C-alpha atoms as a PDB file:
ATOM      1  CA  MET A   1       0.000   0.000   0.000  1.00  0.00           C
ATOM      2  CA  THR A   2       1.421   3.351  -1.001  1.00  0.00           C
ATOM      3  CA  LEU A   3       1.435   6.514   1.064  1.00  0.00           C
ATOM      4  CA  PRO A   4      -1.287   8.229  -1.007  1.00  0.00           C
ATOM      5  CA  ASN A   5      -3.579   5.196  -0.560  1.00  0.00           C
ATOM      6  CA  LEU A   6      -2.893   5.213   3.165  1.00  0.00           C
ATOM      7  CA  LEU A   7      -3.659   8.922   3.449  1.00  0.00           C
ATOM      8  CA  PHE A   8      -6.833   8.519   1.383  1.00  0.00           C
ATOM      9  CA  ALA A   9      -7.968   5.655   3.648  1.00  0.00           C
ATOM     10  CA  LEU A  10      -7.256   7.783   6.707  1.00  0.00           C
ATOM     11  CA  LEU A  11      -9.201  10.679   5.209  1.00  0.00           C
ATOM     12  CA  ILE A  12     -12.240   8.481   4.515  1.00  0.00           C
ATOM     13  CA  ALA A  13     -12.134   6.919   7.992  1.00  0.00           C
ATOM     14  CA  LEU A  14     -11.818  10.283   9.754  1.00  0.00           C
ATOM     15  CA  LEU A  15     -14.623  11.728   7.638  1.00  0.00           C
ATOM     16  CA  LEU A  16     -16.896   8.823   8.613  1.00  0.00           C
ATOM     17  CA  GLY A  17     -16.067   9.321  12.298  1.00  0.00           C
ATOM     18  CA  PHE A  18     -16.740  13.054  12.049  1.00  0.00           C
ATOM     19  CA  ILE A  19     -20.083  12.538  10.298  1.00  0.00           C
ATOM     20  CA  PHE A  20     -21.077   9.967  12.930  1.00  0.00           C
ATOM     21  CA  HIS A  21     -20.189  12.496  15.647  1.00  0.00           C
ATOM     22  CA  ILE A  22     -22.358  15.138  13.976  1.00  0.00           C
ATOM     23  CA  LEU A  23     -25.285  12.699  13.833  1.00  0.00           C
ATOM     24  CA  ARG A  24     -24.928  11.346  17.378  1.00  0.00           C
ATOM     25  CA  GLY A  25     -23.551  14.403  19.166  1.00  0.00           C
ATOM     26  CA  GLY A  26     -21.403  14.465  22.234  1.00  0.00           C
ATOM     27  CA  SER A  27     -18.326  16.040  23.726  1.00  0.00           C
ATOM     28  CA  ARG A  28     -14.783  16.370  22.429  1.00  0.00           C
ATOM     29  CA  TRP A  29     -13.873  13.084  24.096  1.00  0.00           C
ATOM     30  CA  ARG A  30     -16.676  11.328  22.249  1.00  0.00           C
ATOM     31  CA  LEU A  31     -15.367  12.838  18.993  1.00  0.00           C
ATOM     32  CA  LEU A  32     -11.937  11.341  19.700  1.00  0.00           C
ATOM     33  CA  LEU A  33     -13.597   8.016  20.485  1.00  0.00           C
ATOM     34  CA  TYR A  34     -15.514   8.070  17.205  1.00  0.00           C
ATOM     35  CA  LEU A  35     -12.444   9.014  15.183  1.00  0.00           C
ATOM     36  CA  GLY A  36     -10.411   6.216  16.765  1.00  0.00           C
ATOM     37  CA  LEU A  37     -13.174   3.670  16.308  1.00  0.00           C
ATOM     38  CA  SER A  38     -13.633   4.693  12.702  1.00  0.00           C
ATOM     39  CA  VAL A  39      -9.947   4.336  11.861  1.00  0.00           C
ATOM     40  CA  ALA A  40      -9.750   0.978  13.665  1.00  0.00           C
ATOM     41  CA  GLY A  41     -12.870  -0.276  11.894  1.00  0.00           C
ATOM     42  CA  PHE A  42     -11.625   0.848   8.485  1.00  0.00           C
ATOM     43  CA  ALA A  43      -8.307  -0.907   9.111  1.00  0.00           C
ATOM     44  CA  ALA A  44     -10.102  -4.068  10.257  1.00  0.00           C
ATOM     45  CA  GLY A  45     -12.319  -4.017   7.166  1.00  0.00           C
ATOM     46  CA  GLN A  46      -9.279  -3.512   4.953  1.00  0.00           C
ATOM     47  CA  TRP A  47      -7.457  -6.382   6.656  1.00  0.00           C
ATOM     48  CA  LEU A  48     -10.493  -8.638   6.250  1.00  0.00           C
ATOM     49  CA  SER A  49     -10.694  -7.719   2.575  1.00  0.00           C
ATOM     50  CA  ILE A  50      -7.061  -8.642   2.021  1.00  0.00           C
ATOM     51  CA  TRP A  51      -7.246 -11.808   4.124  1.00  0.00           C
ATOM     52  CA  ARG A  52     -10.405 -13.199   2.503  1.00  0.00           C
ATOM     53  CA  SER A  53      -9.719 -11.726  -0.974  1.00  0.00           C
ATOM     54  CA  TRP A  54     -13.024  -9.851  -1.003  1.00  0.00           C
ATOM     55  CA  ASN A  55     -13.338  -6.952  -3.416  1.00  0.00           C
ATOM     56  CA  LEU A  56     -16.337  -4.734  -2.836  1.00  0.00           C
ATOM     57  CA  LEU A  57     -15.393  -1.256  -4.061  1.00  0.00           C
ATOM     58  CA  MET A  58     -11.751  -1.124  -5.101  1.00  0.00           C
ATOM     59  CA  PHE A  59      -9.793   2.103  -5.590  1.00  0.00           C
ATOM     60  CA  GLY A  60      -6.293   1.012  -6.530  1.00  0.00           C
ATOM     61  CA  TRP A  61      -5.061  -1.196  -3.687  1.00  0.00           C
ATOM     62  CA  LEU A  62      -7.651   0.209  -1.322  1.00  0.00           C
ATOM     63  CA  ASP A  63     -10.957  -1.599  -0.796  1.00  0.00           C
ATOM     64  CA  ILE A  64     -13.249   1.235   0.211  1.00  0.00           C
ATOM     65  CA  GLY A  65     -16.377  -0.935   0.496  1.00  0.00           C
ATOM     66  CA  THR A  66     -15.227  -3.278   3.248  1.00  0.00           C
ATOM     67  CA  GLY A  67     -13.392  -0.437   4.969  1.00  0.00           C
ATOM     68  CA  VAL A  68     -16.561   1.630   5.212  1.00  0.00           C
ATOM     69  CA  ILE A  69     -18.580  -1.369   6.402  1.00  0.00           C
ATOM     70  CA  GLY A  70     -15.965  -2.134   9.078  1.00  0.00           C
ATOM     71  CA  SER A  71     -15.857   1.493  10.144  1.00  0.00           C
ATOM     72  CA  ILE A  72     -19.635   1.738  10.472  1.00  0.00           C
ATOM     73  CA  LEU A  73     -19.792  -1.526  12.440  1.00  0.00           C
ATOM     74  CA  PHE A  74     -17.087  -0.374  14.851  1.00  0.00           C
ATOM     75  CA  LEU A  75     -18.786   3.008  15.269  1.00  0.00           C
ATOM     76  CA  VAL A  76     -22.243   1.579  15.995  1.00  0.00           C
ATOM     77  CA  ILE A  77     -20.987  -1.113  18.393  1.00  0.00           C
ATOM     78  CA  GLY A  78     -18.537   1.262  20.097  1.00  0.00           C
ATOM     79  CA  ASP A  79     -21.198   3.929  20.548  1.00  0.00           C
ATOM     80  CA  TRP A  80     -23.626   1.388  21.970  1.00  0.00           C
ATOM     81  CA  LEU A  81     -21.022   0.034  24.406  1.00  0.00           C
ATOM     82  CA  SER A  82     -19.913   3.513  25.482  1.00  0.00           C
ATOM     83  CA  ARG A  83     -23.466   4.497  26.451  1.00  0.00           C
ATOM     84  CA  ILE A  84     -24.043   1.541  28.803  1.00  0.00           C
ATOM     85  CA  GLU A  85     -24.268   2.810  32.368  1.00  0.00           C
ATOM     86  CA  THR A  86     -23.234   0.684  35.309  1.00  0.00           C
ATOM     87  CA  GLN A  87     -25.446   0.501  38.353  1.00  0.00           C
ATOM     88  CA  LYS A  88     -23.930   0.576  41.802  1.00  0.00           C
ATOM     89  CA  GLU A  89     -25.446  -1.858  44.260  1.00  0.00           C
ATOM     90  CA  SER A  90     -26.136  -0.556  47.727  1.00  0.00           C
ATOM     91  CA  SER A  91     -24.700  -2.420  50.693  1.00  0.00           C
ATOM     92  CA  VAL A  92     -27.805  -1.986  52.878  1.00  0.00           C
END
């Protein structure tokens, strides 16, 4: 993978994380969470595409289709897990 492909993949992943943050809202920390999850999901989708030889939407060496799907999955699952509140049990 060349440097321009890597930068383009990073741009797409960060854009997806930013759009998800606009739709879901939250603080600056949640924005950082979404950006990290999006990049990790895009990388996982790209790795899965290379490992299984799946080609969904190729742009040079970059498979944008599986990267976007991985990014969206990581964002939805990460957002759901980050909003779970723990309940403290009283010792009465």
